[in-house]
PDB file of N, CA and C in Angstrom:
ATOM      1  N   MET A   1      16.677   5.714  24.974  1.00  0.00           N
ATOM      2  CA  MET A   1      15.515   3.628  24.570  1.00  0.00           C
ATOM      3  C   MET A   1      15.334   3.836  26.112  1.00  0.00           C
ATOM      4  N   THR A   2      15.830   4.665  27.247  1.00  0.00           N
ATOM      5  CA  THR A   2      15.449   4.246  28.347  1.00  0.00           C
ATOM      6  C   THR A   2      13.437   4.424  28.609  1.00  0.00           C
ATOM      7  N   GLY A   3      13.088   5.946  27.844  1.00  0.00           N
ATOM      8  CA  GLY A   3      11.905   5.464  27.658  1.00  0.00           C
ATOM      9  C   GLY A   3      11.088   4.658  27.203  1.00  0.00           C
ATOM     10  N   LEU A   4      11.743   4.587  25.787  1.00  0.00           N
ATOM     11  CA  LEU A   4      11.193   2.910  25.273  1.00  0.00           C
ATOM     12  C   LEU A   4      10.941   2.168  26.017  1.00  0.00           C
ATOM     13  N   SER A   5      11.550   1.700  27.217  1.00  0.00           N
ATOM     14  CA  SER A   5      11.897   0.189  27.640  1.00  0.00           C
ATOM     15  C   SER A   5      10.258   0.313  28.485  1.00  0.00           C
ATOM     16  N   THR A   6       9.659   1.563  29.225  1.00  0.00           N
ATOM     17  CA  THR A   6       9.000   1.435  29.975  1.00  0.00           C
ATOM     18  C   THR A   6       7.370   1.409  29.543  1.00  0.00           C
ATOM     19  N   TRP A   7       7.346   1.134  27.575  1.00  0.00           N
ATOM     20  CA  TRP A   7       6.363   1.355  27.020  1.00  0.00           C
ATOM     21  C   TRP A   7       5.291  -0.116  26.926  1.00  0.00           C
ATOM     22  N   SER A   8       4.393  -0.115  27.007  1.00  0.00           N
ATOM     23  CA  SER A   8       3.361  -1.463  27.643  1.00  0.00           C
ATOM     24  C   SER A   8       3.466  -2.456  26.259  1.00  0.00           C
ATOM     25  N   PRO A   9       2.912  -3.668  25.743  1.00  0.00           N
ATOM     26  CA  PRO A   9       3.096  -3.920  24.715  1.00  0.00           C
ATOM     27  C   PRO A   9       1.967  -3.232  24.080  1.00  0.00           C
ATOM     28  N   ARG A  10       1.224  -2.914  24.672  1.00  0.00           N
ATOM     29  CA  ARG A  10      -0.281  -2.477  23.486  1.00  0.00           C
ATOM     30  C   ARG A  10       0.124  -0.805  23.359  1.00  0.00           C
ATOM     31  N   ARG A  11       0.679  -0.301  23.849  1.00  0.00           N
ATOM     32  CA  ARG A  11       0.928   0.760  23.657  1.00  0.00           C
ATOM     33  C   ARG A  11       1.903   0.779  22.305  1.00  0.00           C
ATOM     34  N   VAL A  12       3.060   0.152  22.156  1.00  0.00           N
ATOM     35  CA  VAL A  12       3.655  -0.196  21.284  1.00  0.00           C
ATOM     36  C   VAL A  12       3.194  -0.703  20.025  1.00  0.00           C
ATOM     37  N   ILE A  13       1.698  -1.960  19.930  1.00  0.00           N
ATOM     38  CA  ILE A  13       0.960  -1.851  19.089  1.00  0.00           C
ATOM     39  C   ILE A  13      -0.106  -0.898  18.712  1.00  0.00           C
ATOM     40  N   VAL A  14      -0.563   0.075  19.457  1.00  0.00           N
ATOM     41  CA  VAL A  14      -1.089   1.240  19.007  1.00  0.00           C
ATOM     42  C   VAL A  14      -0.456   1.935  18.435  1.00  0.00           C
ATOM     43  N   ALA A  15       0.926   2.384  18.493  1.00  0.00           N
ATOM     44  CA  ALA A  15       1.966   3.223  17.847  1.00  0.00           C
ATOM     45  C   ALA A  15       2.017   2.720  16.216  1.00  0.00           C
ATOM     46  N   CYS A  16       2.229   1.381  16.153  1.00  0.00           N
ATOM     47  CA  CYS A  16       2.307   0.409  14.552  1.00  0.00           C
ATOM     48  C   CYS A  16       1.229   0.550  14.141  1.00  0.00           C
ATOM     49  N   VAL A  17       0.163   0.210  14.797  1.00  0.00           N
ATOM     50  CA  VAL A  17      -1.428   0.586  13.877  1.00  0.00           C
ATOM     51  C   VAL A  17      -1.600   1.629  13.610  1.00  0.00           C
ATOM     52  N   LEU A  18      -1.244   3.351  14.628  1.00  0.00           N
ATOM     53  CA  LEU A  18      -1.496   4.415  14.053  1.00  0.00           C
ATOM     54  C   LEU A  18      -0.508   4.540  12.986  1.00  0.00           C
ATOM     55  N   TRP A  19       0.676   4.187  12.576  1.00  0.00           N
ATOM     56  CA  TRP A  19       1.435   4.410  11.336  1.00  0.00           C
ATOM     57  C   TRP A  19       1.105   3.420  10.636  1.00  0.00           C
ATOM     58  N   LEU A  20       0.591   2.722  10.032  1.00  0.00           N
ATOM     59  CA  LEU A  20       0.185   1.801   9.176  1.00  0.00           C
ATOM     60  C   LEU A  20      -1.228   2.431   8.406  1.00  0.00           C
ATOM     61  N   LEU A  21      -1.993   3.167   9.695  1.00  0.00           N
ATOM     62  CA  LEU A  21      -3.081   3.792   9.259  1.00  0.00           C
ATOM     63  C   LEU A  21      -2.838   5.287   8.761  1.00  0.00           C
ATOM     64  N   GLY A  22      -2.135   5.857   9.389  1.00  0.00           N
ATOM     65  CA  GLY A  22      -1.833   7.378   9.628  1.00  0.00           C
ATOM     66  C   GLY A  22      -0.826   7.516   7.951  1.00  0.00           C
ATOM     67  N   ALA A  23       0.230   6.893   7.488  1.00  0.00           N
ATOM     68  CA  ALA A  23       0.829   7.038   6.889  1.00  0.00           C
ATOM     69  C   ALA A  23       0.656   7.024   5.458  1.00  0.00           C
ATOM     70  N   PRO A  24      -0.412   6.437   4.993  1.00  0.00           N
ATOM     71  CA  PRO A  24      -0.905   6.484   3.567  1.00  0.00           C
ATOM     72  C   PRO A  24      -1.743   7.482   3.693  1.00  0.00           C
ATOM     73  N   VAL A  25      -2.653   7.818   4.508  1.00  0.00           N
ATOM     74  CA  VAL A  25      -3.213   8.989   4.051  1.00  0.00           C
ATOM     75  C   VAL A  25      -2.492  10.558   4.193  1.00  0.00           C
ATOM     76  N   VAL A  26      -1.368  10.557   5.185  1.00  0.00           N
ATOM     77  CA  VAL A  26      -0.486  11.573   4.926  1.00  0.00           C
ATOM     78  C   VAL A  26       0.146  11.743   3.375  1.00  0.00           C
ATOM     79  N   GLY A  27       0.141  10.832   3.195  1.00  0.00           N
ATOM     80  CA  GLY A  27       0.974  10.669   1.708  1.00  0.00           C
ATOM     81  C   GLY A  27       0.150  10.888   0.843  1.00  0.00           C
ATOM     82  N   ALA A  28      -0.916  10.528   0.956  1.00  0.00           N
ATOM     83  CA  ALA A  28      -2.012  10.924  -0.047  1.00  0.00           C
ATOM     84  C   ALA A  28      -2.090  12.209   0.182  1.00  0.00           C
ATOM     85  N   ILE A  29      -2.543  12.812   1.193  1.00  0.00           N
ATOM     86  CA  ILE A  29      -2.779  14.392   1.075  1.00  0.00           C
ATOM     87  C   ILE A  29      -1.665  15.057   0.635  1.00  0.00           C
ATOM     88  N   GLY A  30      -0.204  14.958   1.087  1.00  0.00           N
ATOM     89  CA  GLY A  30       0.535  15.398   0.464  1.00  0.00           C
ATOM     90  C   GLY A  30       0.867  15.330  -1.261  1.00  0.00           C
ATOM     91  N   LEU A  31       0.529  14.374  -1.777  1.00  0.00           N
ATOM     92  CA  LEU A  31       0.300  14.155  -3.371  1.00  0.00           C
ATOM     93  C   LEU A  31      -0.608  14.714  -3.960  1.00  0.00           C
ATOM     94  N   LEU A  32      -1.663  14.766  -2.946  1.00  0.00           N
ATOM     95  CA  LEU A  32      -2.904  15.827  -3.298  1.00  0.00           C
ATOM     96  C   LEU A  32      -2.673  17.670  -3.621  1.00  0.00           C
ATOM     97  N   LEU A  33      -1.877  17.763  -2.565  1.00  0.00           N
ATOM     98  CA  LEU A  33      -1.361  19.544  -2.340  1.00  0.00           C
ATOM     99  C   LEU A  33      -0.189  19.827  -3.433  1.00  0.00           C
ATOM    100  N   GLY A  34       0.402  18.680  -3.668  1.00  0.00           N
ATOM    101  CA  GLY A  34       1.623  18.968  -4.588  1.00  0.00           C
ATOM    102  C   GLY A  34       0.830  19.210  -5.733  1.00  0.00           C
ATOM    103  N   GLY A  35      -0.361  18.277  -5.966  1.00  0.00           N
ATOM    104  CA  GLY A  35      -1.038  18.569  -7.257  1.00  0.00           C
ATOM    105  C   GLY A  35      -1.538  19.627  -7.337  1.00  0.00           C
ATOM    106  N   LEU A  36      -2.160  20.238  -6.435  1.00  0.00           N
ATOM    107  CA  LEU A  36      -2.791  21.546  -6.558  1.00  0.00           C
ATOM    108  C   LEU A  36      -1.756  22.632  -6.829  1.00  0.00           C
ATOM    109  N   VAL A  37      -0.560  22.348  -5.914  1.00  0.00           N
ATOM    110  CA  VAL A  37       0.279  23.593  -6.347  1.00  0.00           C
ATOM    111  C   VAL A  37       1.229  23.778  -7.491  1.00  0.00           C
ATOM    112  N   LEU A  38       0.917  22.085  -8.309  1.00  0.00           N
ATOM    113  CA  LEU A  38       1.123  22.337  -9.601  1.00  0.00           C
ATOM    114  C   LEU A  38       0.346  23.027 -10.608  1.00  0.00           C
ATOM    115  N   ALA A  39      -0.687  22.680 -10.518  1.00  0.00           N
ATOM    116  CA  ALA A  39      -2.181  23.035 -10.882  1.00  0.00           C
ATOM    117  C   ALA A  39      -2.190  24.948 -10.858  1.00  0.00           C
ATOM    118  N   LEU A  40      -1.526  24.888  -9.827  1.00  0.00           N
ATOM    119  CA  LEU A  40      -1.842  26.394  -9.679  1.00  0.00           C
ATOM    120  C   LEU A  40      -0.792  27.450 -10.029  1.00  0.00           C
ATOM    121  N   LEU A  41       0.527  26.627 -10.564  1.00  0.00           N
ATOM    122  CA  LEU A  41       1.814  27.531 -10.641  1.00  0.00           C
ATOM    123  C   LEU A  41       1.976  27.495 -12.565  1.00  0.00           C
ATOM    124  N   SER A  42       1.267  26.338 -13.117  1.00  0.00           N
ATOM    125  CA  SER A  42       1.166  25.922 -13.810  1.00  0.00           C
ATOM    126  C   SER A  42       0.160  26.785 -15.127  1.00  0.00           C
ATOM    127  N   GLY A  43      -0.720  27.389 -14.503  1.00  0.00           N
ATOM    128  CA  GLY A  43      -1.499  28.189 -15.505  1.00  0.00           C
ATOM    129  C   GLY A  43      -2.573  27.649 -16.577  1.00  0.00           C
ATOM    130  N   ARG A  44      -2.351  27.690 -17.249  1.00  0.00           N
ATOM    131  CA  ARG A  44      -3.397  26.678 -18.755  1.00  0.00           C
ATOM    132  C   ARG A  44      -2.275  26.121 -19.087  1.00  0.00           C
ATOM    133  N   GLN A  45      -0.735  26.011 -18.617  1.00  0.00           N
ATOM    134  CA  GLN A  45      -0.210  24.562 -19.441  1.00  0.00           C
ATOM    135  C   GLN A  45      -0.843  23.170 -18.157  1.00  0.00           C
ATOM    136  N   SER A  46      -0.836  22.013 -19.192  1.00  0.00           N
ATOM    137  CA  SER A  46      -1.352  20.903 -18.871  1.00  0.00           C
ATOM    138  C   SER A  46       0.119  20.339 -18.235  1.00  0.00           C
ATOM    139  N   ILE A  47       0.057  19.525 -17.236  1.00  0.00           N
ATOM    140  CA  ILE A  47       1.007  19.051 -16.532  1.00  0.00           C
ATOM    141  C   ILE A  47       0.308  17.676 -16.089  1.00  0.00           C
ATOM    142  N   GLY A  48       0.819  16.351 -16.100  1.00  0.00           N
ATOM    143  CA  GLY A  48       0.316  15.225 -16.273  1.00  0.00           C
ATOM    144  C   GLY A  48       1.457  14.812 -14.914  1.00  0.00           C
ATOM    145  N   LEU A  49       0.423  14.197 -13.951  1.00  0.00           N
ATOM    146  CA  LEU A  49       1.080  13.533 -12.656  1.00  0.00           C
ATOM    147  C   LEU A  49       0.655  11.844 -12.554  1.00  0.00           C
ATOM    148  N   GLN A  50       1.879  11.073 -11.839  1.00  0.00           N
ATOM    149  CA  GLN A  50       1.456   9.950 -12.412  1.00  0.00           C
ATOM    150  C   GLN A  50       2.758   9.595 -10.788  1.00  0.00           C
ATOM    151  N   VAL A  51       1.570   8.929 -10.455  1.00  0.00           N
ATOM    152  CA  VAL A  51       2.313   7.801  -9.031  1.00  0.00           C
ATOM    153  C   VAL A  51       2.467   6.346  -9.380  1.00  0.00           C
ATOM    154  N   ASN A  52       3.356   6.128  -9.222  1.00  0.00           N
ATOM    155  CA  ASN A  52       3.426   4.292  -9.489  1.00  0.00           C
ATOM    156  C   ASN A  52       3.944   3.901  -7.778  1.00  0.00           C
ATOM    157  N   LEU A  53       2.992   3.041  -7.202  1.00  0.00           N
ATOM    158  CA  LEU A  53       3.040   2.061  -6.108  1.00  0.00           C
ATOM    159  C   LEU A  53       3.972   1.062  -6.718  1.00  0.00           C
ATOM    160  N   THR A  54       5.290   1.067  -5.917  1.00  0.00           N
ATOM    161  CA  THR A  54       5.901  -0.170  -6.333  1.00  0.00           C
ATOM    162  C   THR A  54       6.513  -1.060  -4.795  1.00  0.00           C
ATOM    163  N   ASN A  55       7.007  -1.923  -4.842  1.00  0.00           N
ATOM    164  CA  ASN A  55       7.414  -2.908  -3.578  1.00  0.00           C
ATOM    165  C   ASN A  55       8.292  -2.126  -2.443  1.00  0.00           C
ATOM    166  N   TRP A  56       8.841  -1.265  -3.169  1.00  0.00           N
ATOM    167  CA  TRP A  56       9.582  -0.458  -2.199  1.00  0.00           C
ATOM    168  C   TRP A  56       8.541   0.627  -1.312  1.00  0.00           C
ATOM    169  N   VAL A  57       7.774   1.299  -1.752  1.00  0.00           N
ATOM    170  CA  VAL A  57       6.387   1.753  -0.859  1.00  0.00           C
ATOM    171  C   VAL A  57       6.077   1.004   0.049  1.00  0.00           C
ATOM    172  N   GLY A  58       6.218  -0.466   0.111  1.00  0.00           N
ATOM    173  CA  GLY A  58       5.364  -1.638   1.352  1.00  0.00           C
ATOM    174  C   GLY A  58       6.674  -1.440   2.077  1.00  0.00           C
ATOM    175  N   ALA A  59       7.732  -1.625   1.958  1.00  0.00           N
ATOM    176  CA  ALA A  59       8.833  -1.790   2.741  1.00  0.00           C
ATOM    177  C   ALA A  59       9.304  -0.639   3.567  1.00  0.00           C
ATOM    178  N   TRP A  60       9.040   0.561   2.998  1.00  0.00           N
ATOM    179  CA  TRP A  60       9.488   2.025   3.682  1.00  0.00           C
ATOM    180  C   TRP A  60       8.151   1.935   4.464  1.00  0.00           C
ATOM    181  N   LEU A  61       6.289   1.252   4.263  1.00  0.00           N
ATOM    182  CA  LEU A  61       5.563   1.510   4.846  1.00  0.00           C
ATOM    183  C   LEU A  61       5.689   0.659   6.232  1.00  0.00           C
ATOM    184  N   PHE A  62       6.246  -0.216   6.282  1.00  0.00           N
ATOM    185  CA  PHE A  62       5.983  -1.478   7.210  1.00  0.00           C
ATOM    186  C   PHE A  62       7.721  -1.419   8.133  1.00  0.00           C
ATOM    187  N   LEU A  63       9.088  -0.372   7.596  1.00  0.00           N
ATOM    188  CA  LEU A  63      10.150  -0.055   8.257  1.00  0.00           C
ATOM    189  C   LEU A  63       9.961   0.276   9.509  1.00  0.00           C
ATOM    190  N   PRO A  64       9.377   1.452   9.840  1.00  0.00           N
ATOM    191  CA  PRO A  64       9.283   1.980  10.623  1.00  0.00           C
ATOM    192  C   PRO A  64       8.303   1.430  12.170  1.00  0.00           C
ATOM    193  N   PRO A  65       7.700   0.826  11.978  1.00  0.00           N
ATOM    194  CA  PRO A  65       7.364  -0.128  13.130  1.00  0.00           C
ATOM    195  C   PRO A  65       7.989  -1.525  13.227  1.00  0.00           C
ATOM    196  N   ALA A  66       8.557  -1.716  12.454  1.00  0.00           N
ATOM    197  CA  ALA A  66       9.394  -2.980  12.440  1.00  0.00           C
ATOM    198  C   ALA A  66      10.850  -2.618  13.401  1.00  0.00           C
ATOM    199  N   ILE A  67      11.137  -1.585  13.198  1.00  0.00           N
ATOM    200  CA  ILE A  67      12.362  -0.812  14.003  1.00  0.00           C
ATOM    201  C   ILE A  67      11.920  -0.681  15.204  1.00  0.00           C
ATOM    202  N   LEU A  68      10.795   0.105  15.455  1.00  0.00           N
ATOM    203  CA  LEU A  68      10.511   0.405  17.011  1.00  0.00           C
ATOM    204  C   LEU A  68      10.357  -0.594  17.659  1.00  0.00           C
ATOM    205  N   VAL A  69       8.964  -1.948  16.862  1.00  0.00           N
ATOM    206  CA  VAL A  69       9.276  -3.475  18.106  1.00  0.00           C
ATOM    207  C   VAL A  69      10.578  -3.836  18.245  1.00  0.00           C
ATOM    208  N   GLY A  70      11.510  -3.898  17.332  1.00  0.00           N
ATOM    209  CA  GLY A  70      12.549  -4.178  17.568  1.00  0.00           C
ATOM    210  C   GLY A  70      13.849  -3.254  18.434  1.00  0.00           C
ATOM    211  N   ALA A  71      13.606  -1.948  18.750  1.00  0.00           N
ATOM    212  CA  ALA A  71      14.202  -1.464  19.744  1.00  0.00           C
ATOM    213  C   ALA A  71      13.263  -1.508  21.104  1.00  0.00           C
ATOM    214  N   TRP A  72      11.992  -1.449  20.839  1.00  0.00           N
ATOM    215  CA  TRP A  72      11.473  -1.868  22.212  1.00  0.00           C
ATOM    216  C   TRP A  72      11.686  -3.185  22.781  1.00  0.00           C
ATOM    217  N   ILE A  73      11.820  -4.566  22.049  1.00  0.00           N
ATOM    218  CA  ILE A  73      12.487  -5.664  22.512  1.00  0.00           C
ATOM    219  C   ILE A  73      13.798  -5.359  22.887  1.00  0.00           C
ATOM    220  N   TRP A  74      14.504  -4.610  22.623  1.00  0.00           N
ATOM    221  CA  TRP A  74      16.234  -4.670  22.671  1.00  0.00           C
ATOM    222  C   TRP A  74      15.943  -3.651  23.973  1.00  0.00           C
ATOM    223  N   SER A  75      15.169  -2.860  24.178  1.00  0.00           N
ATOM    224  CA  SER A  75      15.480  -1.714  25.135  1.00  0.00           C
ATOM    225  C   SER A  75      14.827  -2.389  26.455  1.00  0.00           C
ATOM    226  N   ARG A  76      14.493  -3.788  26.454  1.00  0.00           N
ATOM    227  CA  ARG A  76      13.790  -3.940  27.838  1.00  0.00           C
ATOM    228  C   ARG A  76      14.652  -4.710  28.295  1.00  0.00           C
ATOM    229  N   PRO A  77      14.699  -4.905  29.643  1.00  0.00           N
ATOM    230  CA  PRO A  77      15.673  -5.468  30.428  1.00  0.00           C
ATOM    231  C   PRO A  77      15.666  -7.078  30.452  1.00  0.00           C
ATOM    232  N   ALA A  78      16.508  -7.739  30.692  1.00  0.00           N
ATOM    233  CA  ALA A  78      16.154  -9.030  30.734  1.00  0.00           C
ATOM    234  C   ALA A  78      15.525  -9.803  31.350  1.00  0.00           C
ATOM    235  N   SER A  79      15.394  -9.277  32.985  1.00  0.00           N
ATOM    236  CA  SER A  79      14.511 -10.149  33.336  1.00  0.00           C
ATOM    237  C   SER A  79      13.374  -9.883  33.319  1.00  0.00           C
ATOM    238  N   SER A  80      12.716  -8.772  32.653  1.00  0.00           N
ATOM    239  CA  SER A  80      10.962  -9.005  32.552  1.00  0.00           C
ATOM    240  C   SER A  80      10.991  -9.445  31.383  1.00  0.00           C
ATOM    241  N   ALA A  81      11.377  -9.730  30.438  1.00  0.00           N
ATOM    242  CA  ALA A  81      11.378 -10.862  28.821  1.00  0.00           C
ATOM    243  C   ALA A  81      11.305 -12.629  29.430  1.00  0.00           C
ATOM    244  N   LYS A  82      11.602 -12.565  30.715  1.00  0.00           N
ATOM    245  CA  LYS A  82      11.460 -14.138  31.628  1.00  0.00           C
ATOM    246  C   LYS A  82      10.155 -14.338  32.187  1.00  0.00           C
ATOM    247  N   GLN A  83       9.410 -13.110  32.243  1.00  0.00           N
ATOM    248  CA  GLN A  83       8.239 -13.064  33.026  1.00  0.00           C
ATOM    249  C   GLN A  83       7.145 -13.712  32.157  1.00  0.00           C
TER     250      GLN A  83
END
């Protein structure tokens, strides 16, 4: 946590934006690769793959940035919060 207290607000914002943009891309690539592996393993057998996006997806997407911002605020010394 001491390393997190030295982060600037800009660095925290950049980390959150990178997560919000990168996490869905990585998830989509994972689903695509999983589908390709299933297609290779199934041979001629037909396999259906379905993905449902629920409200929990949004919660899991926004939870890590919220935890990062909360931990960053908590790790800041009280003297720097008053400035």
